[in-house]
C-alpha atoms as a PDB file:
ATOM      1  CA  MET A   1     -31.920   6.338 -10.348  1.00  0.00           C
ATOM      2  CA  ASN A   2     -34.466   3.441  -9.184  1.00  0.00           C
ATOM      3  CA  GLY A   3     -35.257   4.836  -5.606  1.00  0.00           C
ATOM      4  CA  SER A   4     -32.211   2.770  -4.584  1.00  0.00           C
ATOM      5  CA  THR A   5     -29.167   4.880  -2.184  1.00  0.00           C
ATOM      6  CA  LEU A   6     -26.730   6.439  -3.469  1.00  0.00           C
ATOM      7  CA  GLN A   7     -23.276   4.507  -2.211  1.00  0.00           C
ATOM      8  CA  PRO A   8     -20.252   6.148  -4.016  1.00  0.00           C
ATOM      9  CA  TRP A   9     -17.823   4.622  -1.990  1.00  0.00           C
ATOM     10  CA  GLN A  10     -16.057   0.966  -1.686  1.00  0.00           C
ATOM     11  CA  VAL A  11     -13.589  -0.645   0.215  1.00  0.00           C
ATOM     12  CA  VAL A  12     -11.491  -3.417  -1.791  1.00  0.00           C
ATOM     13  CA  ARG A  13      -9.258  -5.826   0.510  1.00  0.00           C
ATOM     14  CA  GLU A  14      -5.813  -6.143  -1.910  1.00  0.00           C
ATOM     15  CA  ASP A  15      -4.028  -8.974  -1.240  1.00  0.00           C
ATOM     16  CA  GLU A  16       0.362  -9.625  -1.528  1.00  0.00           C
ATOM     17  CA  ASN A  17      -0.480 -11.106  -4.673  1.00  0.00           C
ATOM     18  CA  GLY A  18      -2.286  -8.162  -6.726  1.00  0.00           C
ATOM     19  CA  GLY A  19      -5.701 -10.104  -6.420  1.00  0.00           C
ATOM     20  CA  ARG A  20      -8.844  -7.655  -5.294  1.00  0.00           C
ATOM     21  CA  TYR A  21     -12.398  -7.716  -3.626  1.00  0.00           C
ATOM     22  CA  ARG A  22     -14.615  -6.028  -2.945  1.00  0.00           C
ATOM     23  CA  ILE A  23     -15.386  -5.870   0.332  1.00  0.00           C
ATOM     24  CA  GLY A  24     -18.284  -3.205   0.320  1.00  0.00           C
ATOM     25  CA  HIS A  25     -19.887   0.195  -0.750  1.00  0.00           C
ATOM     26  CA  CYS A  26     -20.467   2.913   1.770  1.00  0.00           C
ATOM     27  CA  ALA A  27     -22.629   6.235   1.753  1.00  0.00           C
ATOM     28  CA  THR A  28     -19.097   8.865   2.506  1.00  0.00           C
ATOM     29  CA  ARG A  29     -15.588   7.649   2.613  1.00  0.00           C
ATOM     30  CA  ALA A  30     -15.595   8.597   6.337  1.00  0.00           C
ATOM     31  CA  GLU A  31     -17.937   5.157   6.147  1.00  0.00           C
ATOM     32  CA  ALA A  32     -15.533   3.438   4.081  1.00  0.00           C
ATOM     33  CA  GLN A  33     -12.731   4.373   6.648  1.00  0.00           C
ATOM     34  CA  ARG A  34     -14.509   3.304  10.053  1.00  0.00           C
ATOM     35  CA  LEU A  35     -15.117  -0.125   8.220  1.00  0.00           C
ATOM     36  CA  ILE A  36     -11.692  -0.702   7.299  1.00  0.00           C
ATOM     37  CA  GLN A  37     -10.870   0.059  10.742  1.00  0.00           C
ATOM     38  CA  ARG A  38     -13.506  -2.398  11.862  1.00  0.00           C
ATOM     39  CA  LEU A  39     -11.783  -5.009   9.785  1.00  0.00           C
ATOM     40  CA  ARG A  40      -8.594  -4.739  10.936  1.00  0.00           C
ATOM     41  CA  LEU A  41      -9.497  -4.651  14.887  1.00  0.00           C
ATOM     42  CA  SER A  42     -11.405  -8.029  13.862  1.00  0.00           C
ATOM     43  CA  GLY A  43      -8.278  -9.471  12.539  1.00  0.00           C
ATOM     44  CA  GLY A  44      -8.535  -9.115   9.084  1.00  0.00           C
ATOM     45  CA  GLN A  45      -5.382  -7.853   7.963  1.00  0.00           C
ATOM     46  CA  GLU A  46      -3.583 -11.167   7.476  1.00  0.00           C
ATOM     47  CA  SER A  47      -4.077 -14.013   4.718  1.00  0.00           C
ATOM     48  CA  ALA A  48      -2.271 -16.930   4.329  1.00  0.00           C
ATOM     49  CA  ASN A  49       0.033 -15.297   2.285  1.00  0.00           C
ATOM     50  CA  GLY A  50       0.399 -12.113   4.357  1.00  0.00           C
ATOM     51  CA  THR A  51      -0.498  -9.100   4.687  1.00  0.00           C
ATOM     52  CA  VAL A  52      -3.694  -7.456   2.795  1.00  0.00           C
ATOM     53  CA  HIS A  53      -4.301  -3.467   2.310  1.00  0.00           C
ATOM     54  CA  TYR A  54      -7.284  -2.440   1.932  1.00  0.00           C
ATOM     55  CA  LEU A  55      -7.920   0.544   0.188  1.00  0.00           C
ATOM     56  CA  VAL A  56     -10.934   2.977  -0.456  1.00  0.00           C
ATOM     57  CA  GLU A  57     -12.404   3.586  -4.180  1.00  0.00           C
ATOM     58  CA  ARG A  58     -14.347   6.347  -5.432  1.00  0.00           C
ATOM     59  CA  VAL A  59     -17.029   4.458  -8.227  1.00  0.00           C
ATOM     60  CA  GLU A  60     -17.745   6.667 -11.205  1.00  0.00           C
ATOM     61  CA  VAL A  61     -20.838   6.713 -12.440  1.00  0.00           C
ATOM     62  CA  GLY A  62     -21.072   4.342 -15.280  1.00  0.00           C
ATOM     63  CA  GLY A  63     -18.892   1.564 -13.082  1.00  0.00           C
ATOM     64  CA  GLY A  64     -15.614   2.604 -12.903  1.00  0.00           C
ATOM     65  CA  ALA A  65     -13.305   3.745 -10.186  1.00  0.00           C
ATOM     66  CA  HIS A  66      -9.884   5.380  -8.675  1.00  0.00           C
ATOM     67  CA  ARG A  67      -8.311   5.833  -5.740  1.00  0.00           C
END
C-alpha cells in the first residue's frame, strides 16, 4: 500500500435497467450500510425509470468484487 486508507467495501447503485454506478467506498460493511440508509432517507430511492437498489460489495485485492 502507498499510505492510503484501506476501504474494502463499496456501495453500488443499481437501477431497474441493470445500470450500476459506484457511489462510494467505506472501511467497514456497517459504514457502507449506514451510507445506504442516509441515501434512502434523502430520497435517493427512485430514478426517472423507477426504483433503484443499493448494494454493498467487498472489493477484492486486484480490483474484482463480489456480493
